[in-house]
Protein backbone atom coordinates (compact mmCIF):
# COMPACT_ATOMS: atom_id res chain seq x y z
CA MET A 1 138.19 -3.22 0.56
CA ALA A 2 136.17 -3.27 3.70
CA ASN A 3 133.34 -1.48 1.91
CA LYS A 4 133.42 -4.12 -0.94
CA MET A 5 133.32 -6.95 1.58
CA GLY A 6 130.30 -5.21 3.29
CA CYS A 7 128.41 -4.87 -0.05
CA TRP A 8 129.10 -8.44 -0.83
CA LYS A 9 127.89 -9.37 2.59
CA TRP A 10 124.62 -7.53 2.05
CA VAL A 11 124.09 -9.07 -1.40
CA ILE A 12 124.47 -12.49 -0.02
CA VAL A 13 121.97 -11.70 2.84
CA GLY A 14 119.58 -10.12 0.47
CA SER A 15 119.87 -13.24 -2.04
CA VAL A 16 119.30 -15.66 0.79
CA SER A 17 116.25 -13.65 1.99
CA VAL A 18 114.75 -13.63 -1.44
CA ALA A 19 115.27 -17.33 -1.71
CA LEU A 20 113.78 -17.85 1.74
CA VAL A 21 110.76 -15.79 0.90
CA PHE A 22 110.38 -17.80 -2.39
CA THR A 23 110.56 -21.03 -0.69
CA ILE A 24 108.05 -20.19 1.99
CA GLY A 25 105.78 -18.97 -0.85
CA ILE A 26 106.02 -22.28 -2.61
CA ILE A 27 105.36 -24.15 0.59
CA VAL A 28 102.30 -21.87 1.48
CA GLY A 29 100.95 -22.18 -2.02
CA PHE A 30 101.35 -25.89 -2.08
CA SER A 31 99.64 -26.06 1.32
CA LEU A 32 96.77 -24.05 0.22
CA GLN A 33 96.42 -26.00 -3.06
CA LYS A 34 96.48 -29.18 -0.99
CA ARG A 35 93.79 -27.72 1.36
CA THR A 36 91.65 -26.72 -1.39
CA ARG A 37 92.07 -30.14 -3.05
CA ASN A 38 91.15 -31.82 0.27
CA ASP A 39 88.16 -29.65 0.61
CA ALA A 40 87.00 -30.58 -2.91
CA GLU A 41 87.54 -34.20 -1.99
CA THR A 42 85.58 -33.84 1.09
CA HIS A 43 82.79 -32.17 -0.67
CA PRO A 44 82.93 -33.47 -4.29
CA GLY A 45 80.55 -31.65 -6.60
CA CYS A 46 80.13 -28.70 -4.11
CA LYS A 47 80.50 -25.56 -6.15
CA GLN A 48 80.83 -21.95 -5.01
CA ASP A 49 77.55 -20.86 -6.56
CA GLY A 50 75.56 -20.01 -3.37
CA THR A 51 74.13 -23.76 -3.08
CA CYS A 52 76.93 -24.88 -0.60
CA ARG A 53 75.86 -22.53 2.23
CA SER A 54 74.17 -23.15 5.50
CA ASP A 55 71.19 -21.12 4.28
CA ALA A 56 71.06 -22.68 0.82
CA ASP A 57 67.87 -24.12 -0.51
CA MET A 58 67.98 -27.94 0.30
CA LEU A 59 66.85 -28.89 -3.23
CA ASP A 60 69.19 -26.61 -4.98
CA TYR A 61 71.99 -27.99 -2.92
CA LEU A 62 71.10 -31.76 -3.69
CA LEU A 63 70.53 -30.87 -7.28
CA SER A 64 73.97 -29.36 -7.68
CA LEU A 65 75.53 -32.50 -6.18
CA GLY A 66 73.57 -34.74 -8.76
CA GLN A 67 71.70 -36.56 -6.03
CA ILE A 68 68.25 -35.41 -7.29
CA SER A 69 67.25 -34.83 -10.85
CA GLN A 70 64.77 -31.89 -10.35
CA ARG A 71 63.54 -29.70 -7.57
CA ASP A 72 61.16 -32.16 -6.02
CA GLY A 73 60.82 -32.75 -2.32
CA LEU A 74 59.68 -36.33 -2.84
CA LEU A 75 63.14 -37.28 -4.14
CA VAL A 76 64.86 -36.26 -0.82
CA THR A 77 65.64 -39.15 1.50
CA TRP A 78 66.02 -38.89 5.37
CA TYR A 79 67.69 -40.72 8.25
CA HIS A 80 65.93 -40.40 11.53
CA ALA A 81 67.50 -39.97 14.92
CA ALA A 82 71.17 -40.25 13.96
CA ASN A 83 72.02 -39.51 17.55
CA SER A 84 74.46 -42.00 19.18
CA LYS A 85 77.85 -42.61 17.61
CA LYS A 86 76.62 -46.16 16.36
CA GLN A 87 73.41 -44.53 14.80
CA MET A 88 75.55 -41.65 13.29
CA LYS A 89 78.01 -43.99 11.78
CA ALA A 90 75.25 -46.13 10.23
CA ALA A 91 73.71 -42.92 8.81
CA LEU A 92 77.03 -41.90 7.28
CA ARG A 93 77.49 -45.37 5.58
CA SER A 94 73.89 -44.99 4.07
CA ASN A 95 72.96 -43.18 0.82
CA ILE A 96 70.57 -40.94 2.76
CA MET A 97 70.56 -37.29 1.60
CA VAL A 98 69.55 -35.54 4.82
CA LEU A 99 70.60 -36.34 8.47
CA GLU A 100 67.89 -35.61 11.15
CA ALA A 101 69.21 -35.67 14.75
CA ASP A 102 68.05 -34.43 18.05
CA VAL A 103 69.86 -32.03 20.40
CA THR A 104 69.33 -31.45 24.13
CA ILE A 105 71.53 -30.51 27.20
CA GLU A 106 73.66 -33.22 29.02
CA GLY A 107 71.79 -34.11 32.41
CA LEU A 108 68.98 -31.74 31.57
CA GLY A 109 67.04 -30.94 34.79
CA THR A 110 69.22 -32.85 36.92
CA VAL A 111 72.03 -31.89 39.41
CA ASN A 112 74.35 -33.34 36.72
CA GLU A 113 73.28 -30.74 33.96
CA THR A 114 76.46 -29.62 32.33
CA GLY A 115 75.17 -27.10 29.60
CA VAL A 116 76.94 -29.24 26.94
CA PRO A 117 74.72 -29.89 23.85
CA ILE A 118 74.41 -33.63 23.30
CA MET A 119 72.67 -35.81 20.67
CA ALA A 120 69.61 -37.39 22.44
CA HIS A 121 65.94 -37.61 22.03
CA PRO A 122 63.89 -37.16 25.36
CA PRO A 123 63.42 -38.78 27.71
CA ASP A 124 67.21 -39.66 27.28
CA ILE A 125 69.42 -36.93 28.64
CA TYR A 126 72.79 -38.63 28.34
CA SER A 127 74.68 -39.75 25.12
CA ASP A 128 78.03 -40.98 23.89
CA ASN A 129 77.95 -38.17 21.25
CA THR A 130 78.20 -34.47 21.82
CA LEU A 131 76.86 -32.04 19.19
CA GLU A 132 80.44 -31.03 18.60
CA GLN A 133 81.71 -34.47 18.01
CA TRP A 134 78.59 -35.15 15.86
CA LEU A 135 79.18 -31.98 13.63
CA GLU A 136 83.04 -32.80 13.37
CA ALA A 137 82.25 -36.27 12.07
CA VAL A 138 79.46 -35.40 9.66
CA LEU A 139 81.06 -32.48 8.22
CA ALA A 140 84.40 -34.23 7.73
CA SER A 141 83.14 -37.30 5.94
CA SER A 142 79.77 -36.68 4.19
CA GLN A 143 77.74 -34.41 1.96
CA GLU A 144 74.33 -34.86 3.75
CA GLY A 145 72.25 -31.90 4.52
CA ILE A 146 71.69 -31.43 8.17
CA LYS A 147 68.42 -31.02 10.27
CA LEU A 148 68.84 -30.50 14.08
CA ASP A 149 65.78 -30.87 16.15
CA PHE A 150 65.98 -28.99 19.44
CA LYS A 151 63.97 -30.33 22.33
CA SER A 152 64.97 -27.76 25.02
CA ILE A 153 65.61 -24.09 24.73
CA LYS A 154 68.64 -24.48 26.88
CA ALA A 155 70.29 -26.30 24.06
CA VAL A 156 69.71 -23.79 21.30
CA GLY A 157 72.20 -20.96 22.28
CA PRO A 158 75.39 -22.98 22.63
CA SER A 159 74.51 -25.17 19.71
CA LEU A 160 74.14 -22.13 17.44
CA ASP A 161 77.46 -20.54 18.87
CA LEU A 162 79.13 -23.91 17.70
CA LEU A 163 77.50 -23.83 14.40
CA ARG A 164 78.54 -20.23 13.83
CA ARG A 165 82.12 -21.04 14.69
CA LEU A 166 82.34 -24.03 12.37
CA THR A 167 80.55 -22.02 9.55
CA GLU A 168 83.08 -19.15 9.93
CA GLU A 169 85.87 -21.66 9.80
CA GLY A 170 84.57 -22.59 6.33
CA LYS A 171 83.55 -26.19 7.52
CA VAL A 172 79.73 -25.75 7.02
CA ARG A 173 79.18 -25.92 3.31
CA ARG A 174 75.74 -27.41 3.12
CA PRO A 175 72.18 -26.47 4.25
CA VAL A 176 71.38 -26.60 7.81
CA TRP A 177 67.81 -26.71 9.13
CA ILE A 178 67.06 -25.46 12.69
CA ASN A 179 63.86 -27.32 13.99
CA ALA A 180 61.81 -26.91 17.14
CA ASP A 181 58.10 -27.26 18.03
CA ILE A 182 57.27 -23.78 19.24
CA LEU A 183 53.41 -23.75 19.25
CA ARG A 184 51.01 -25.96 20.84
CA GLY A 185 49.21 -27.89 18.17
CA PRO A 186 46.41 -30.50 17.66
CA ASN A 187 45.07 -32.38 20.65
CA MET A 188 47.77 -31.21 23.07
CA VAL A 189 46.59 -30.43 26.67
CA ARG A 190 49.82 -29.92 28.24
CA SER A 191 52.39 -27.30 27.11
CA THR A 192 55.68 -28.96 25.92
CA GLU A 193 56.61 -26.62 23.16
CA VAL A 194 59.96 -24.74 23.05
CA ASN A 195 59.62 -21.04 23.89
CA ALA A 196 58.89 -19.54 20.55
CA THR A 197 60.12 -15.90 21.28
CA GLN A 198 63.39 -17.10 22.72
CA PHE A 199 63.90 -19.74 20.06
CA LEU A 200 63.51 -17.38 17.07
CA ALA A 201 65.38 -14.59 18.70
CA LEU A 202 68.52 -16.75 19.38
CA VAL A 203 68.32 -17.77 15.58
CA GLN A 204 68.40 -14.28 14.46
CA GLU A 205 71.21 -13.29 16.87
CA LYS A 206 73.47 -16.16 16.63
CA TYR A 207 72.86 -18.12 13.39
CA PRO A 208 70.69 -16.34 10.93
CA LYS A 209 72.10 -18.03 7.87
CA THR A 210 70.01 -21.07 8.10
CA THR A 211 66.58 -22.64 7.13
CA LEU A 212 63.97 -22.41 9.99
CA SER A 213 61.76 -25.45 10.77
CA PRO A 214 59.21 -24.27 13.40
CA GLY A 215 56.52 -26.60 14.12
CA TRP A 216 53.56 -27.59 16.39
CA THR A 217 53.38 -29.98 19.24
CA THR A 218 51.05 -32.85 18.46
CA LEU A 219 49.18 -35.74 19.82
CA TYR A 220 47.40 -38.35 17.74
CA LEU A 221 45.62 -41.44 19.12
CA PRO A 222 44.43 -43.99 16.50
CA LEU A 223 40.91 -45.23 17.13
CA PHE A 224 39.95 -41.96 19.04
CA PRO A 225 38.58 -38.70 17.89
CA ASN A 226 41.32 -36.48 16.93
CA GLY A 227 41.34 -32.77 16.08
CA THR A 228 43.67 -31.32 13.51
CA TYR A 229 45.51 -28.08 12.77
CA THR A 230 43.31 -24.94 12.89
CA GLN A 231 43.32 -21.60 11.27
CA THR A 232 44.20 -19.94 14.49
CA MET A 233 47.30 -22.13 14.76
CA MET A 234 48.32 -20.95 11.22
CA GLU A 235 47.74 -17.40 11.98
CA LYS A 236 49.81 -17.59 15.22
CA MET A 237 52.68 -19.17 13.21
CA GLN A 238 52.51 -16.57 10.52
CA GLU A 239 52.62 -13.82 13.14
CA LEU A 240 55.88 -15.30 14.54
CA VAL A 241 57.73 -15.98 11.22
CA GLY A 242 56.10 -13.85 8.47
CA ALA A 243 58.64 -10.86 8.77
CA LEU A 244 61.75 -13.06 9.13
CA PRO A 245 64.34 -13.43 6.42
CA GLN A 246 64.86 -17.02 6.44
CA LYS A 247 63.41 -19.79 4.30
CA VAL A 248 61.04 -21.63 6.35
CA THR A 249 59.88 -25.33 6.30
CA PHE A 250 56.87 -26.21 8.66
CA PRO A 251 56.99 -29.70 10.00
CA VAL A 252 53.48 -31.26 9.71
CA ARG A 253 52.16 -34.46 11.10
CA ALA A 254 51.05 -35.95 7.88
CA VAL A 255 48.21 -38.12 9.13
CA MET A 256 46.50 -34.77 10.08
CA ALA A 257 47.31 -32.70 7.05
CA ARG A 258 44.46 -33.49 4.74
CA ALA A 259 41.76 -32.62 7.10
CA ALA A 260 43.50 -29.33 7.66
CA TRP A 261 44.34 -28.60 3.99
CA PRO A 262 42.34 -25.24 3.76
CA GLN A 263 44.57 -24.06 6.56
CA PHE A 264 47.83 -25.33 5.14
CA SER A 265 46.83 -23.98 1.57
CA TRP A 266 46.49 -20.58 3.28
CA LEU A 267 49.77 -20.77 4.95
CA LEU A 268 51.69 -21.82 1.90
CA GLY A 269 50.12 -18.96 0.08
CA GLN A 270 51.54 -16.35 2.52
CA SER A 271 55.21 -16.56 1.19
CA ASP A 272 57.37 -18.11 -1.59
CA ARG A 273 59.90 -18.88 1.32
CA TYR A 274 57.58 -21.38 2.81
CA SER A 275 57.54 -25.23 2.39
CA LEU A 276 56.16 -28.15 4.40
CA THR A 277 57.83 -31.12 5.68
CA MET A 278 55.44 -34.13 6.14
CA TRP A 279 56.42 -36.47 8.84
CA GLN A 280 54.87 -39.71 10.27
CA ALA A 281 54.96 -41.28 13.56
CA THR A 282 55.22 -45.07 13.62
CA SER A 283 51.54 -45.71 14.67
CA ASP A 284 49.90 -43.12 12.44
CA PRO A 285 47.37 -44.69 10.02
CA LEU A 286 48.47 -42.50 7.22
CA THR A 287 47.12 -43.43 3.82
CA VAL A 288 48.63 -43.18 0.21
CA ASP A 289 45.40 -41.29 -0.95
CA ASP A 290 45.96 -38.64 1.77
CA LEU A 291 49.45 -38.16 0.48
CA LEU A 292 48.42 -37.91 -3.21
CA TYR A 293 45.87 -35.27 -2.26
CA ILE A 294 48.76 -33.22 -0.70
CA ARG A 295 50.99 -33.77 -3.67
CA ASP A 296 48.23 -32.77 -6.20
CA ASN A 297 47.62 -29.42 -4.40
CA THR A 298 51.29 -28.28 -4.21
CA ALA A 299 54.19 -27.59 -6.43
CA THR A 300 56.76 -30.21 -6.23
CA HIS A 301 59.26 -27.97 -4.50
CA GLN A 302 56.89 -27.05 -1.71
CA VAL A 303 56.77 -30.22 0.27
CA TYR A 304 59.32 -32.71 1.68
CA TYR A 305 58.12 -36.25 2.67
CA ASP A 306 59.82 -37.72 5.76
CA LEU A 307 57.90 -40.99 5.84
CA PHE A 308 58.42 -44.74 6.59
CA GLU A 309 58.51 -47.64 4.14
CA PRO A 310 56.78 -49.31 2.58
CA LEU A 311 54.18 -46.52 2.40
CA LEU A 312 56.87 -43.98 0.96
CA SER A 313 57.64 -46.18 -1.85
CA GLN A 314 53.99 -46.96 -2.64
CA PHE A 315 53.33 -43.25 -2.56
CA LYS A 316 56.18 -42.40 -4.83
CA GLN A 317 55.11 -44.97 -7.46
CA LEU A 318 51.64 -43.52 -7.64
CA ALA A 319 52.73 -39.85 -7.35
CA MET A 320 55.05 -40.14 -10.43
CA ASN A 321 52.32 -41.59 -12.58
CA THR A 322 51.48 -38.61 -14.82
CA SER A 323 48.36 -40.30 -16.21
CA ARG A 324 46.84 -40.67 -12.66
CA LYS A 325 43.56 -38.85 -12.17
CA GLN A 326 44.38 -35.89 -9.78
CA SER A 327 42.15 -34.45 -6.88
CA TYR A 328 42.37 -30.77 -6.23
CA TYR A 329 41.15 -28.53 -3.29
CA THR A 330 38.19 -26.42 -4.39
CA GLY A 331 39.50 -23.32 -2.59
CA GLY A 332 43.20 -23.54 -3.70
CA SER A 333 45.24 -21.68 -6.19
CA LEU A 334 45.18 -22.30 -9.87
CA ILE A 335 48.80 -23.42 -9.32
CA PRO A 336 49.53 -26.17 -9.88
CA ALA A 337 46.02 -27.38 -11.13
CA LEU A 338 46.07 -25.15 -14.30
CA GLN A 339 49.06 -23.01 -14.10
CA HIS A 340 52.57 -24.49 -13.72
CA PRO A 341 54.69 -22.76 -11.10
CA GLY A 342 56.32 -19.73 -12.73
CA ASP A 343 54.04 -19.82 -15.75
CA GLU A 344 52.11 -16.51 -16.74
CA GLY A 345 48.44 -16.08 -15.70
CA LEU A 346 47.89 -15.75 -19.58
CA SER A 347 48.52 -19.53 -19.90
CA VAL A 348 45.00 -20.01 -18.11
CA GLU A 349 42.19 -19.78 -20.71
CA TRP A 350 38.61 -19.00 -19.81
CA LEU A 351 36.10 -21.35 -21.69
CA VAL A 352 32.44 -21.06 -22.30
CA PRO A 353 30.42 -24.41 -22.35
CA ASP A 354 28.22 -25.28 -25.25
CA ILE A 355 24.78 -26.63 -24.01
CA GLN A 356 23.06 -28.84 -26.33
CA GLY A 357 19.24 -29.14 -25.92
CA ASN A 358 17.26 -27.86 -22.93
CA GLY A 359 15.66 -28.99 -19.67
CA SER A 360 16.41 -32.38 -18.12
CA THR A 361 17.85 -33.86 -21.32
CA ALA A 362 20.28 -31.03 -21.95
CA THR A 363 24.10 -31.88 -22.22
CA VAL A 364 27.16 -29.78 -21.83
CA ARG A 365 30.06 -29.87 -24.27
CA LEU A 366 33.37 -28.02 -23.82
CA PRO A 367 35.88 -26.72 -26.29
CA ASP A 368 38.70 -29.07 -26.89
CA ARG A 369 41.07 -27.04 -24.55
CA GLU A 370 41.85 -26.75 -20.85
CA GLY A 371 41.19 -23.87 -18.41
CA MET A 372 38.66 -22.28 -16.26
CA ILE A 373 34.94 -23.01 -17.35
CA LEU A 374 32.85 -19.94 -16.92
CA LEU A 375 29.26 -20.65 -15.80
CA ASP A 376 26.80 -17.80 -15.68
CA VAL A 377 24.23 -18.86 -13.11
CA GLY A 378 20.65 -17.71 -12.62
CA LEU A 379 17.57 -19.04 -10.91
CA GLN A 380 14.58 -21.07 -12.24
CA LYS A 381 11.46 -21.07 -10.26
CA PRO A 382 9.46 -24.29 -11.03
CA ALA A 383 5.82 -24.43 -10.54
CA ALA A 384 6.41 -26.57 -7.40
CA GLY A 385 9.28 -26.98 -5.22
CA ASP A 386 12.35 -24.80 -4.31
CA PRO A 387 14.02 -22.54 -6.98
CA VAL A 388 16.91 -24.32 -8.82
CA PRO A 389 20.22 -22.73 -9.91
CA ILE A 390 20.76 -22.99 -13.66
CA VAL A 391 23.46 -22.30 -16.06
CA ARG A 392 22.36 -20.05 -18.94
CA THR A 393 24.12 -19.47 -22.29
CA PRO A 394 23.96 -16.27 -24.38
CA ASP A 395 21.47 -17.98 -26.84
CA GLY A 396 19.13 -18.77 -23.97
CA ARG A 397 19.63 -22.41 -23.44
CA ALA A 398 19.77 -23.62 -19.85
CA LEU A 399 20.90 -26.50 -17.77
CA THR A 400 20.68 -26.93 -13.98
CA LEU A 401 23.96 -26.28 -12.13
CA GLU A 402 23.89 -29.57 -10.59
CA SER A 403 23.58 -31.43 -13.81
CA CYS A 404 26.18 -29.31 -15.46
CA LEU A 405 28.72 -29.94 -12.74
CA GLN A 406 27.85 -33.58 -12.67
CA GLN A 407 28.57 -33.81 -16.46
CA LEU A 408 31.76 -31.77 -16.15
CA ALA A 409 33.05 -34.29 -13.42
CA MET A 410 33.30 -36.86 -16.07
CA HIS A 411 35.37 -34.51 -18.36
CA PRO A 412 39.12 -35.42 -18.44
CA GLY A 413 41.99 -32.89 -18.47
CA ARG A 414 42.78 -29.89 -16.43
CA TRP A 415 40.05 -27.42 -15.68
CA GLY A 416 38.43 -25.46 -12.94
CA VAL A 417 35.09 -23.74 -12.50
CA HIS A 418 34.17 -19.99 -12.28
CA VAL A 419 30.76 -19.64 -11.13
CA HIS A 420 29.44 -16.19 -11.78
CA ILE A 421 26.23 -15.34 -9.99
CA ALA A 422 24.10 -13.39 -12.49
CA GLU A 423 21.11 -13.12 -10.23
CA PRO A 424 21.38 -12.33 -6.55
CA ALA A 425 18.87 -14.84 -5.61
CA ALA A 426 20.83 -17.64 -7.26
CA LEU A 427 23.74 -17.11 -4.91
CA ARG A 428 22.87 -19.31 -1.82
CA PRO A 429 21.25 -22.12 -3.82
CA SER A 430 24.41 -22.13 -6.07
CA LEU A 431 26.67 -22.43 -3.03
CA ALA A 432 24.52 -25.19 -1.44
CA THR A 433 24.74 -27.19 -4.65
CA LEU A 434 28.58 -26.73 -4.69
CA ALA A 435 28.80 -27.78 -1.11
CA THR A 436 26.75 -31.01 -1.83
CA LEU A 437 28.75 -32.02 -4.80
CA SER A 438 32.11 -31.47 -2.93
CA THR A 439 30.94 -33.64 -0.03
CA LEU A 440 30.05 -36.41 -2.45
CA GLY A 441 33.56 -36.08 -4.17
CA ARG A 442 32.30 -34.84 -7.45
CA LEU A 443 33.97 -31.40 -7.29
CA SER A 444 37.60 -31.87 -6.93
CA ARG A 445 38.70 -28.92 -9.04
CA PRO A 446 39.49 -25.22 -8.29
CA VAL A 447 36.19 -23.24 -7.90
CA TRP A 448 35.74 -19.66 -8.19
CA VAL A 449 32.36 -18.00 -6.83
CA GLY A 450 32.06 -14.35 -8.24
CA ALA A 451 29.54 -11.69 -8.76
CA THR A 452 29.17 -8.11 -9.60
CA VAL A 453 28.64 -6.70 -6.10
CA SER A 454 27.18 -3.53 -4.52
CA HIS A 455 29.01 -1.91 -1.71
CA GLY A 456 29.83 1.51 -0.28
CA SER A 457 30.79 3.99 -3.12
CA PHE A 458 29.67 1.36 -5.67
CA MET A 459 26.24 0.75 -4.12
CA VAL A 460 23.93 0.11 -7.12
CA PRO A 461 20.39 -1.66 -6.95
CA GLY A 462 20.04 -5.06 -8.57
CA TYR A 463 23.20 -6.63 -7.56
CA VAL A 464 24.19 -8.82 -4.74
CA THR A 465 25.66 -6.82 -1.85
CA GLY A 466 29.24 -7.38 -1.01
CA ARG A 467 28.52 -8.44 2.55
CA GLU A 468 25.82 -10.94 1.40
CA LEU A 469 28.43 -12.55 -0.95
CA LEU A 470 30.99 -13.00 1.75
CA THR A 471 28.46 -14.02 4.34
CA ALA A 472 26.90 -16.72 2.11
CA VAL A 473 30.29 -17.96 1.07
CA ALA A 474 31.39 -18.27 4.64
CA GLU A 475 28.07 -19.97 5.75
CA LEU A 476 27.50 -22.46 2.96
CA PHE A 477 30.84 -23.26 1.13
CA PRO A 478 33.80 -21.44 2.23
CA HIS A 479 36.31 -23.49 0.32
CA VAL A 480 36.37 -21.25 -2.87
CA THR A 481 38.11 -18.30 -4.45
CA VAL A 482 36.00 -15.25 -4.07
CA ALA A 483 35.86 -13.33 -7.33
CA PRO A 484 33.88 -9.97 -6.82
CA GLY A 485 33.70 -7.14 -9.48
CA TRP A 486 32.29 -3.61 -9.64
CA PRO A 487 28.99 -2.60 -11.53
CA GLU A 488 29.50 -1.18 -14.84
CA GLU A 489 27.34 1.86 -13.79
CA VAL A 490 30.15 3.22 -11.63
CA LEU A 491 33.01 2.74 -13.90
CA GLY A 492 32.42 5.76 -16.21
CA SER A 493 35.71 7.33 -14.92
CA GLY A 494 37.59 4.24 -14.41
CA TYR A 495 38.62 2.57 -10.99
CA ARG A 496 38.66 5.62 -8.87
CA GLU A 497 40.29 5.71 -5.49
CA GLN A 498 37.14 5.37 -3.40
CA LEU A 499 36.06 2.38 -5.59
CA LEU A 500 39.26 0.61 -4.75
CA THR A 501 39.25 1.58 -1.10
CA ASP A 502 35.82 0.33 -0.46
CA MET A 503 36.44 -2.97 -2.19
CA LEU A 504 39.58 -3.68 -0.32
CA GLU A 505 37.89 -2.76 2.86
CA LEU A 506 34.95 -5.38 2.03
CA CYS A 507 37.59 -8.12 1.31
CA GLN A 508 39.97 -7.27 4.19
CA GLY A 509 40.53 -10.19 6.58
CA LEU A 510 39.24 -12.94 4.13
CA TRP A 511 41.21 -16.19 4.60
CA GLN A 512 40.02 -17.40 1.06
CA PRO A 513 41.91 -16.36 -2.11
CA VAL A 514 40.30 -13.30 -3.81
CA SER A 515 40.57 -12.48 -7.52
CA PHE A 516 39.46 -8.96 -8.34
CA GLN A 517 37.47 -8.71 -11.57
CA LEU A 518 38.52 -5.81 -13.52
CA GLN A 519 37.13 -4.57 -17.03
CA ALA A 520 39.78 -3.69 -19.44
CA GLY A 521 38.04 -0.55 -20.91
CA PRO A 522 37.64 1.37 -17.46
CA LEU A 523 41.18 0.14 -16.37
CA GLY A 524 42.53 2.07 -19.23
CA GLN A 525 40.78 5.24 -17.95
CA SER A 526 42.07 4.69 -14.40
CA PRO A 527 45.02 6.24 -12.58
CA ALA A 528 48.16 4.20 -12.60
CA GLY A 529 48.75 1.53 -9.96
CA VAL A 530 45.37 -0.03 -9.82
CA VAL A 531 46.50 -3.64 -10.40
CA ALA A 532 49.49 -3.19 -8.15
CA ARG A 533 47.29 -1.97 -5.26
CA LEU A 534 44.73 -4.74 -5.57
CA LEU A 535 47.65 -7.40 -5.62
CA ALA A 536 49.08 -5.83 -2.58
CA ALA A 537 45.87 -6.64 -0.54
CA SER A 538 47.19 -10.21 0.11
CA PRO A 539 49.88 -12.68 -0.99
CA ARG A 540 47.07 -14.77 -2.40
CA ALA A 541 45.30 -12.01 -4.28
CA THR A 542 45.00 -12.08 -8.03
CA VAL A 543 43.45 -9.90 -10.67
CA THR A 544 41.36 -11.00 -13.78
CA VAL A 545 41.15 -8.53 -16.52
CA GLU A 546 37.93 -8.96 -18.69
CA HIS A 547 37.04 -7.63 -22.20
CA SER A 548 34.62 -8.91 -24.66
CA PRO A 549 33.74 -7.88 -28.30
CA GLY A 550 30.64 -6.08 -27.13
CA ARG A 551 32.86 -3.67 -25.39
CA GLY A 552 35.24 -2.93 -28.24
CA HIS A 553 37.95 -4.38 -30.53
CA TYR A 554 41.16 -5.80 -29.17
CA ALA A 555 43.10 -2.75 -30.43
CA SER A 556 41.12 -0.55 -27.92
CA VAL A 557 42.46 -2.23 -24.98
CA ARG A 558 45.85 -3.60 -26.23
CA ALA A 559 47.96 -1.18 -24.23
CA VAL A 560 45.88 -1.88 -21.08
CA LEU A 561 46.48 -5.59 -21.31
CA LEU A 562 50.19 -5.19 -22.06
CA ALA A 563 50.57 -2.71 -19.12
CA ALA A 564 48.84 -5.19 -16.74
CA ARG A 565 51.17 -7.96 -17.84
CA ALA A 566 54.14 -5.80 -17.49
CA MET A 567 53.23 -5.01 -13.96
CA GLU A 568 52.70 -8.60 -12.78
CA LYS A 569 52.97 -11.89 -14.95
CA THR A 570 51.89 -14.81 -12.73
CA ARG A 571 49.09 -13.13 -10.58
CA VAL A 572 47.12 -11.48 -13.47
CA TYR A 573 44.73 -13.53 -15.43
CA TYR A 574 42.77 -12.57 -18.63
CA ARG A 575 39.22 -13.47 -19.35
CA LEU A 576 39.23 -12.79 -23.26
CA PRO A 577 37.84 -14.33 -26.40
CA GLN A 578 40.20 -16.87 -27.95
CA SER A 579 40.94 -14.61 -30.68
CA TYR A 580 41.77 -11.52 -28.34
CA ARG A 581 44.05 -13.89 -26.27
CA GLN A 582 45.89 -14.88 -29.42
CA GLU A 583 46.47 -11.37 -30.49
CA LEU A 584 47.82 -10.54 -26.98
CA GLN A 585 50.22 -13.52 -27.13
CA ALA A 586 51.31 -12.42 -30.63
CA ASP A 587 51.95 -8.91 -29.22
CA ILE A 588 53.95 -10.27 -26.44
CA GLY A 589 55.94 -12.36 -28.84
CA ARG A 590 56.87 -9.19 -30.79
CA HIS A 591 58.04 -7.30 -27.74
């Protein structure tokens, strides 16, 4: 009997235990479900697809929320200096997409310095809002992206510790940008920048899952002579961030950007991780034309615009007008002027103009297509006066380069110019003509200047020397893409190792884009890896593969062309007759 009672006792205890565990499970499950639902309500539209992370791309995040319709930095809206509790609450009530706020240390530089990160812009060193309070409020009640601007290196470490803790707790489910001016920039006499080495090291150590926003300190005085960003400034920044894993957006004072566009074009070309954020001070005399120039010379996802009204609305209205005439930097990439981001290089066609008549009355006509216009340029020596660069056609007709370009300037559509120097003596006069027309605003298209060059192991008489090509470009008109090729006389065995080595040595250190000109026939006789090696010379390097009927039928180079495309699609161009280009496209379609 005692044994039976003991058994029943354990049965009852076991049943109660099971019921208790079941009840606890229901409560925990309900709590987790409620927490998940609350998280979804706090972050409606936020999906677990990689866009709701502190290191997510800002455009991808806003696109996933339905706040923008496409990956276009111009669609993003900003709230400045959301620092005090009053400013923060006003920002949270707005429909702004990204909150920008300033972080410093409470009592910085005084006996009252506490080490606590607060929300204030110098010279303020006190605030009614700590960074922790700010983040708790913003993360609990909004979807806005976050940009934190650090004015002191002392604020960086403790702020990143706080961000990391909140991120590990699952509260930071949106992009976070970490901003600081880490290099001395235009017109700055005194050093006020945040220590670059310490700033970048702290981000890597404490909060690497973020987007970096490293900038330059600047000074701009209206009505006074002002300098702008220099190539040295770009190269120093690239040395600092080039090897880092994060996405990087460089804050740029917009009023100085156009004058420094050759430098920013170079910087953007160094990595697909890079973008620019244009900002404006209240007194800056920024113009819509300057902004449109920046817009025309970048892909829509490459630039954010943090600007004041009414300028921003005026700019947006014109920028979205697709029928507007655009103005391109002559030394820029073919993207986006002729090649949409992500499109193949095969989408760009090389066109040969048709010259009607001869001499001063000659006119130039183009095929009814868009692309790069190939101009073979020689030199005409008149009875009196200086020699004149002329464009020659295969049938012997000629037109001065200046007249040809002046007529082309009136031609609508998307096109660029590839000036091929056929006679060494025509190099400097041609560059002088290009420089003059550019200064007059009549050459707002991508311009390539190329020649078959003689250098090192491919030293052949009768061609312009490689050094002279680069020197003349640097001295007369540096804002071009350089397009050097090898003499046909040295290509009997293809593009041998020494030919590549010497060409790469010649072009090493150029800040201009380079497009290496390859003949398809010799490329087919070359060791594997020629195209890859040339493209590896620089992030801005491209290759142009050329073939003409005089060198053989399309079938003779079909395998070579397909192999070049298989190696790289966007940075390999094809200078082919239209029929060959169509056959290549058909072959690609079949494969």
